[in-house]
Amino acid sequence: MSNPKKMTLTSVKVKSELFENFKVECVRRKFSFQKLADRAICLYLTDEEFRKQVHSKTNLTLDN
């Protein structure tokens, strides 16, 4: 049996409307919140442009 990956369990509150839309897209694209979180954290730590984009994003509505 292979070694289990070391994981940290977290709990976050997210905007309901955004998360509902995200869940629908996850089903359509066979993606998951786990994948998004891991990839976003990696990009945040390694990609300065991504980090700047995340820090400057303030409008969290979907109509933009």
N, C-alpha and C. Protein backbone atom coordinates (compact mmCIF):
# COMPACT_ATOMS: atom_id res chain seq x y z
N MET A 1 0.85 -1.18 0.00
CA MET A 1 0.00 0.00 0.00
C MET A 1 0.89 1.24 0.00
N SER A 2 0.51 2.26 -0.77
CA SER A 2 1.31 3.48 -0.85
C SER A 2 1.07 4.36 0.37
N ASN A 3 2.02 5.25 0.61
CA ASN A 3 1.89 6.19 1.73
C ASN A 3 0.75 7.16 1.46
N PRO A 4 -0.10 7.38 2.46
CA PRO A 4 -1.17 8.37 2.25
C PRO A 4 -0.55 9.77 2.17
N LYS A 5 -1.13 10.60 1.33
CA LYS A 5 -0.65 11.98 1.21
C LYS A 5 -0.94 12.72 2.49
N LYS A 6 -0.03 13.57 2.89
CA LYS A 6 -0.27 14.40 4.07
C LYS A 6 -1.22 15.52 3.67
N MET A 7 -2.32 15.62 4.36
CA MET A 7 -3.34 16.61 4.05
C MET A 7 -3.69 17.35 5.33
N THR A 8 -4.13 18.59 5.18
CA THR A 8 -4.60 19.39 6.30
C THR A 8 -6.07 19.69 6.07
N LEU A 9 -6.89 19.38 7.04
CA LEU A 9 -8.31 19.67 6.95
C LEU A 9 -8.54 21.11 7.37
N THR A 10 -9.23 21.86 6.51
CA THR A 10 -9.54 23.26 6.82
C THR A 10 -11.04 23.46 6.68
N SER A 11 -11.49 24.58 7.17
CA SER A 11 -12.89 24.95 7.04
C SER A 11 -12.93 26.42 6.65
N VAL A 12 -13.64 26.71 5.59
CA VAL A 12 -13.76 28.09 5.14
C VAL A 12 -15.22 28.39 4.82
N LYS A 13 -15.59 29.64 4.98
CA LYS A 13 -16.91 30.09 4.57
C LYS A 13 -16.75 30.85 3.27
N VAL A 14 -17.59 30.50 2.29
CA VAL A 14 -17.54 31.17 0.99
C VAL A 14 -18.92 31.71 0.65
N LYS A 15 -18.96 32.66 -0.24
CA LYS A 15 -20.23 33.26 -0.65
C LYS A 15 -21.11 32.19 -1.30
N SER A 16 -22.35 32.07 -0.82
CA SER A 16 -23.26 31.01 -1.27
C SER A 16 -23.49 31.03 -2.77
N GLU A 17 -23.76 32.20 -3.34
CA GLU A 17 -24.04 32.28 -4.78
C GLU A 17 -22.84 31.80 -5.59
N LEU A 18 -21.65 32.23 -5.21
CA LEU A 18 -20.45 31.80 -5.93
C LEU A 18 -20.26 30.29 -5.82
N PHE A 19 -20.46 29.76 -4.63
CA PHE A 19 -20.24 28.33 -4.44
C PHE A 19 -21.27 27.49 -5.18
N GLU A 20 -22.51 27.92 -5.21
CA GLU A 20 -23.55 27.19 -5.96
C GLU A 20 -23.18 27.13 -7.45
N ASN A 21 -22.76 28.24 -8.00
CA ASN A 21 -22.33 28.26 -9.40
C ASN A 21 -21.08 27.41 -9.62
N PHE A 22 -20.18 27.45 -8.67
CA PHE A 22 -18.96 26.66 -8.75
C PHE A 22 -19.29 25.16 -8.76
N LYS A 23 -20.21 24.73 -7.91
CA LYS A 23 -20.59 23.30 -7.86
C LYS A 23 -21.13 22.83 -9.20
N VAL A 24 -21.95 23.66 -9.85
CA VAL A 24 -22.48 23.29 -11.16
C VAL A 24 -21.34 23.13 -12.17
N GLU A 25 -20.42 24.07 -12.18
CA GLU A 25 -19.28 23.99 -13.09
C GLU A 25 -18.39 22.78 -12.79
N CYS A 26 -18.26 22.45 -11.52
CA CYS A 26 -17.45 21.28 -11.14
C CYS A 26 -18.03 20.00 -11.73
N VAL A 27 -19.33 19.87 -11.70
CA VAL A 27 -19.98 18.69 -12.29
C VAL A 27 -19.75 18.69 -13.79
N ARG A 28 -19.96 19.82 -14.44
CA ARG A 28 -19.78 19.91 -15.89
C ARG A 28 -18.36 19.58 -16.32
N ARG A 29 -17.39 20.03 -15.54
CA ARG A 29 -15.99 19.91 -15.95
C ARG A 29 -15.22 18.81 -15.22
N LYS A 30 -15.93 18.05 -14.38
CA LYS A 30 -15.29 16.99 -13.59
C LYS A 30 -14.09 17.54 -12.83
N PHE A 31 -14.37 18.57 -12.05
CA PHE A 31 -13.36 19.27 -11.26
C PHE A 31 -13.84 19.26 -9.81
N SER A 32 -13.00 19.67 -8.89
CA SER A 32 -13.41 19.67 -7.48
C SER A 32 -12.84 20.88 -6.75
N PHE A 33 -13.45 21.18 -5.63
CA PHE A 33 -12.95 22.26 -4.79
C PHE A 33 -11.55 21.92 -4.27
N GLN A 34 -11.31 20.64 -3.99
CA GLN A 34 -9.98 20.20 -3.55
C GLN A 34 -8.93 20.53 -4.60
N LYS A 35 -9.21 20.23 -5.85
CA LYS A 35 -8.26 20.52 -6.94
C LYS A 35 -8.04 22.03 -7.07
N LEU A 36 -9.14 22.78 -7.00
CA LEU A 36 -9.02 24.24 -7.09
C LEU A 36 -8.16 24.79 -5.96
N ALA A 37 -8.44 24.35 -4.74
CA ALA A 37 -7.70 24.86 -3.59
C ALA A 37 -6.21 24.53 -3.71
N ASP A 38 -5.88 23.28 -4.03
CA ASP A 38 -4.47 22.90 -4.15
C ASP A 38 -3.77 23.70 -5.23
N ARG A 39 -4.40 23.84 -6.37
CA ARG A 39 -3.77 24.55 -7.49
C ARG A 39 -3.68 26.04 -7.23
N ALA A 40 -4.72 26.61 -6.63
CA ALA A 40 -4.70 28.04 -6.33
C ALA A 40 -3.62 28.36 -5.31
N ILE A 41 -3.47 27.52 -4.30
CA ILE A 41 -2.42 27.75 -3.29
C ILE A 41 -1.05 27.65 -3.94
N CYS A 42 -0.86 26.66 -4.79
CA CYS A 42 0.43 26.50 -5.48
C CYS A 42 0.72 27.72 -6.35
N LEU A 43 -0.27 28.16 -7.13
CA LEU A 43 -0.07 29.34 -7.96
C LEU A 43 0.19 30.59 -7.12
N TYR A 44 -0.53 30.72 -6.04
CA TYR A 44 -0.36 31.88 -5.16
C TYR A 44 1.09 31.95 -4.64
N LEU A 45 1.64 30.81 -4.33
CA LEU A 45 3.00 30.75 -3.78
C LEU A 45 4.10 30.86 -4.84
N THR A 46 3.77 30.55 -6.10
CA THR A 46 4.82 30.48 -7.12
C THR A 46 4.68 31.47 -8.27
N ASP A 47 3.54 32.12 -8.39
CA ASP A 47 3.28 32.98 -9.55
C ASP A 47 2.89 34.38 -9.08
N GLU A 48 3.81 35.30 -9.22
CA GLU A 48 3.59 36.67 -8.74
C GLU A 48 2.39 37.34 -9.43
N GLU A 49 2.21 37.10 -10.72
CA GLU A 49 1.08 37.69 -11.45
C GLU A 49 -0.24 37.18 -10.89
N PHE A 50 -0.31 35.88 -10.63
CA PHE A 50 -1.53 35.30 -10.04
C PHE A 50 -1.80 35.92 -8.68
N ARG A 51 -0.76 36.04 -7.87
CA ARG A 51 -0.91 36.63 -6.52
C ARG A 51 -1.42 38.07 -6.61
N LYS A 52 -0.88 38.85 -7.54
CA LYS A 52 -1.34 40.22 -7.73
C LYS A 52 -2.80 40.25 -8.17
N GLN A 53 -3.16 39.36 -9.08
CA GLN A 53 -4.54 39.29 -9.57
C GLN A 53 -5.50 38.96 -8.43
N VAL A 54 -5.13 38.02 -7.58
CA VAL A 54 -5.98 37.64 -6.45
C VAL A 54 -6.12 38.81 -5.48
N HIS A 55 -5.04 39.49 -5.20
CA HIS A 55 -5.08 40.61 -4.25
C HIS A 55 -5.90 41.79 -4.79
N SER A 56 -5.92 41.97 -6.10
CA SER A 56 -6.63 43.12 -6.66
C SER A 56 -8.09 42.83 -6.98
N LYS A 57 -8.50 41.58 -6.93
CA LYS A 57 -9.89 41.22 -7.24
C LYS A 57 -10.77 41.55 -6.04
N THR A 58 -11.63 42.56 -6.21
CA THR A 58 -12.51 42.95 -5.10
C THR A 58 -13.98 42.78 -5.43
N ASN A 59 -14.33 42.83 -6.72
CA ASN A 59 -15.72 42.65 -7.12
C ASN A 59 -15.98 41.16 -7.29
N LEU A 60 -16.72 40.58 -6.36
CA LEU A 60 -16.95 39.13 -6.38
C LEU A 60 -18.33 38.76 -6.90
N THR A 61 -18.89 39.61 -7.75
CA THR A 61 -20.17 39.27 -8.37
C THR A 61 -19.91 38.63 -9.74
N LEU A 62 -20.86 37.85 -10.19
CA LEU A 62 -20.69 37.11 -11.45
C LEU A 62 -21.12 37.92 -12.67
N ASP A 63 -21.69 39.09 -12.47
CA ASP A 63 -22.17 39.90 -13.58
C ASP A 63 -21.10 40.84 -14.13
N ASN A 64 -19.84 40.56 -13.92
CA ASN A 64 -18.79 41.46 -14.42
C ASN A 64 -18.09 40.90 -15.61
